[in-house]
Amino acid sequence: MDEKGYAHSKIIRFRNGLTLRLVSLTVEGKRRDHVIGIMDMPDIYIHYIYQKRWSIEIFFRTMKSYLKLDHIKEDLMA
């Protein structure tokens, strides 16, 4: 990361055998934590993926609101 932020991750192993990764990033003074199962991807890529995903979620929420849709029925998707 650049001088505006930093990233680091920590592997967490649970007693039941589950292994997850905590990715912590600080970007422009805002901390972001992601718990993921991906072990072989650089921390900053995780941030970019979640950033893009969040943009898509916001888009769909806005469209549903604009179109006054409470839900999308499965038969419309097929």
C-alpha atoms as a PDB file:
ATOM      1  CA  MET A   1       0.000   0.000   0.000  1.00  0.00           C
ATOM      2  CA  ASP A   2       1.044   3.614  -0.297  1.00  0.00           C
ATOM      3  CA  GLU A   3       1.671   6.226   2.406  1.00  0.00           C
ATOM      4  CA  LYS A   4      -2.093   6.787   2.835  1.00  0.00           C
ATOM      5  CA  GLY A   5      -2.762   3.315   4.183  1.00  0.00           C
ATOM      6  CA  TYR A   6      -1.511  -0.047   5.304  1.00  0.00           C
ATOM      7  CA  ALA A   7      -2.656  -3.649   5.167  1.00  0.00           C
ATOM      8  CA  HIS A   8      -1.903  -6.788   7.108  1.00  0.00           C
ATOM      9  CA  SER A   9      -3.493 -10.161   7.679  1.00  0.00           C
ATOM     10  CA  LYS A  10      -3.598 -12.818  10.347  1.00  0.00           C
ATOM     11  CA  ILE A  11      -4.474 -16.504  10.050  1.00  0.00           C
ATOM     12  CA  ILE A  12      -7.039 -17.677  12.601  1.00  0.00           C
ATOM     13  CA  ARG A  13      -7.403 -21.393  13.344  1.00  0.00           C
ATOM     14  CA  PHE A  14     -10.405 -22.540  15.333  1.00  0.00           C
ATOM     15  CA  ARG A  15     -10.593 -25.666  17.487  1.00  0.00           C
ATOM     16  CA  ASN A  16     -13.127 -27.232  15.114  1.00  0.00           C
ATOM     17  CA  GLY A  17     -10.540 -27.154  12.295  1.00  0.00           C
ATOM     18  CA  LEU A  18     -11.858 -24.074  10.502  1.00  0.00           C
ATOM     19  CA  THR A  19      -9.112 -21.764   9.246  1.00  0.00           C
ATOM     20  CA  LEU A  20      -9.909 -18.196   8.241  1.00  0.00           C
ATOM     21  CA  ARG A  21      -7.908 -15.099   7.474  1.00  0.00           C
ATOM     22  CA  LEU A  22      -8.497 -11.676   8.976  1.00  0.00           C
ATOM     23  CA  VAL A  23      -7.408  -8.955   6.552  1.00  0.00           C
ATOM     24  CA  SER A  24      -7.158  -5.505   8.144  1.00  0.00           C
ATOM     25  CA  LEU A  25      -6.635  -2.431   6.009  1.00  0.00           C
ATOM     26  CA  THR A  26      -6.494   1.252   6.769  1.00  0.00           C
ATOM     27  CA  VAL A  27      -7.184   3.375   3.725  1.00  0.00           C
ATOM     28  CA  GLU A  28      -7.318   7.163   3.999  1.00  0.00           C
ATOM     29  CA  GLY A  29      -7.833   6.912   7.745  1.00  0.00           C
ATOM     30  CA  LYS A  30     -10.672   4.355   7.612  1.00  0.00           C
ATOM     31  CA  ARG A  31     -10.152   0.836   8.913  1.00  0.00           C
ATOM     32  CA  ARG A  32     -11.615  -2.093   7.009  1.00  0.00           C
ATOM     33  CA  ASP A  33     -11.631  -5.662   8.344  1.00  0.00           C
ATOM     34  CA  HIS A  34     -12.533  -8.667   6.190  1.00  0.00           C
ATOM     35  CA  VAL A  35     -12.780 -12.278   7.388  1.00  0.00           C
ATOM     36  CA  ILE A  36     -12.223 -14.578   4.430  1.00  0.00           C
ATOM     37  CA  GLY A  37     -11.305 -18.116   3.522  1.00  0.00           C
ATOM     38  CA  ILE A  38      -8.862 -17.105   0.771  1.00  0.00           C
ATOM     39  CA  MET A  39      -5.289 -17.686   1.894  1.00  0.00           C
ATOM     40  CA  ASP A  40      -3.242 -17.019  -1.237  1.00  0.00           C
ATOM     41  CA  MET A  41      -4.328 -13.534  -2.347  1.00  0.00           C
ATOM     42  CA  PRO A  42      -2.513 -10.304  -1.433  1.00  0.00           C
ATOM     43  CA  ASP A  43      -4.230  -8.129   1.175  1.00  0.00           C
ATOM     44  CA  ILE A  44      -4.756  -5.190  -1.148  1.00  0.00           C
ATOM     45  CA  TYR A  45      -6.551  -7.388  -3.716  1.00  0.00           C
ATOM     46  CA  ILE A  46      -9.036  -8.372  -1.024  1.00  0.00           C
ATOM     47  CA  HIS A  47      -9.753  -4.690  -0.434  1.00  0.00           C
ATOM     48  CA  TYR A  48     -10.289  -4.017  -4.149  1.00  0.00           C
ATOM     49  CA  ILE A  49     -12.604  -7.024  -4.545  1.00  0.00           C
ATOM     50  CA  TYR A  50     -14.769  -5.986  -1.596  1.00  0.00           C
ATOM     51  CA  GLN A  51     -14.758  -2.366  -2.769  1.00  0.00           C
ATOM     52  CA  LYS A  52     -16.069  -3.409  -6.194  1.00  0.00           C
ATOM     53  CA  ARG A  53     -18.593  -5.795  -4.659  1.00  0.00           C
ATOM     54  CA  TRP A  54     -19.927  -3.032  -2.437  1.00  0.00           C
ATOM     55  CA  SER A  55     -20.376  -0.761  -5.481  1.00  0.00           C
ATOM     56  CA  ILE A  56     -22.422  -3.489  -7.175  1.00  0.00           C
ATOM     57  CA  GLU A  57     -24.563  -3.985  -4.050  1.00  0.00           C
ATOM     58  CA  ILE A  58     -25.271  -0.245  -3.888  1.00  0.00           C
ATOM     59  CA  PHE A  59     -26.209  -0.221  -7.577  1.00  0.00           C
ATOM     60  CA  PHE A  60     -28.728  -3.063  -7.164  1.00  0.00           C
ATOM     61  CA  ARG A  61     -30.203  -1.531  -4.011  1.00  0.00           C
ATOM     62  CA  THR A  62     -30.639   1.798  -5.831  1.00  0.00           C
ATOM     63  CA  MET A  63     -32.249   0.140  -8.857  1.00  0.00           C
ATOM     64  CA  LYS A  64     -34.645  -1.870  -6.683  1.00  0.00           C
ATOM     65  CA  SER A  65     -35.638   1.314  -4.878  1.00  0.00           C
ATOM     66  CA  TYR A  66     -35.996   3.288  -8.118  1.00  0.00           C
ATOM     67  CA  LEU A  67     -38.097   0.554  -9.733  1.00  0.00           C
ATOM     68  CA  LYS A  68     -40.059   0.023  -6.488  1.00  0.00           C
ATOM     69  CA  LEU A  69     -39.219  -3.690  -6.310  1.00  0.00           C
ATOM     70  CA  ASP A  70     -39.437  -5.383  -2.946  1.00  0.00           C
ATOM     71  CA  HIS A  71     -37.933  -8.562  -4.326  1.00  0.00           C
ATOM     72  CA  ILE A  72     -37.159 -10.219  -7.622  1.00  0.00           C
ATOM     73  CA  LYS A  73     -39.125 -13.423  -8.167  1.00  0.00           C
ATOM     74  CA  GLU A  74     -37.280 -16.541  -9.254  1.00  0.00           C
ATOM     75  CA  ASP A  75     -39.588 -17.072 -12.236  1.00  0.00           C
ATOM     76  CA  LEU A  76     -38.533 -13.697 -13.627  1.00  0.00           C
ATOM     77  CA  MET A  77     -34.883 -14.726 -13.397  1.00  0.00           C
ATOM     78  CA  ALA A  78     -35.347 -17.970 -15.383  1.00  0.00           C
END
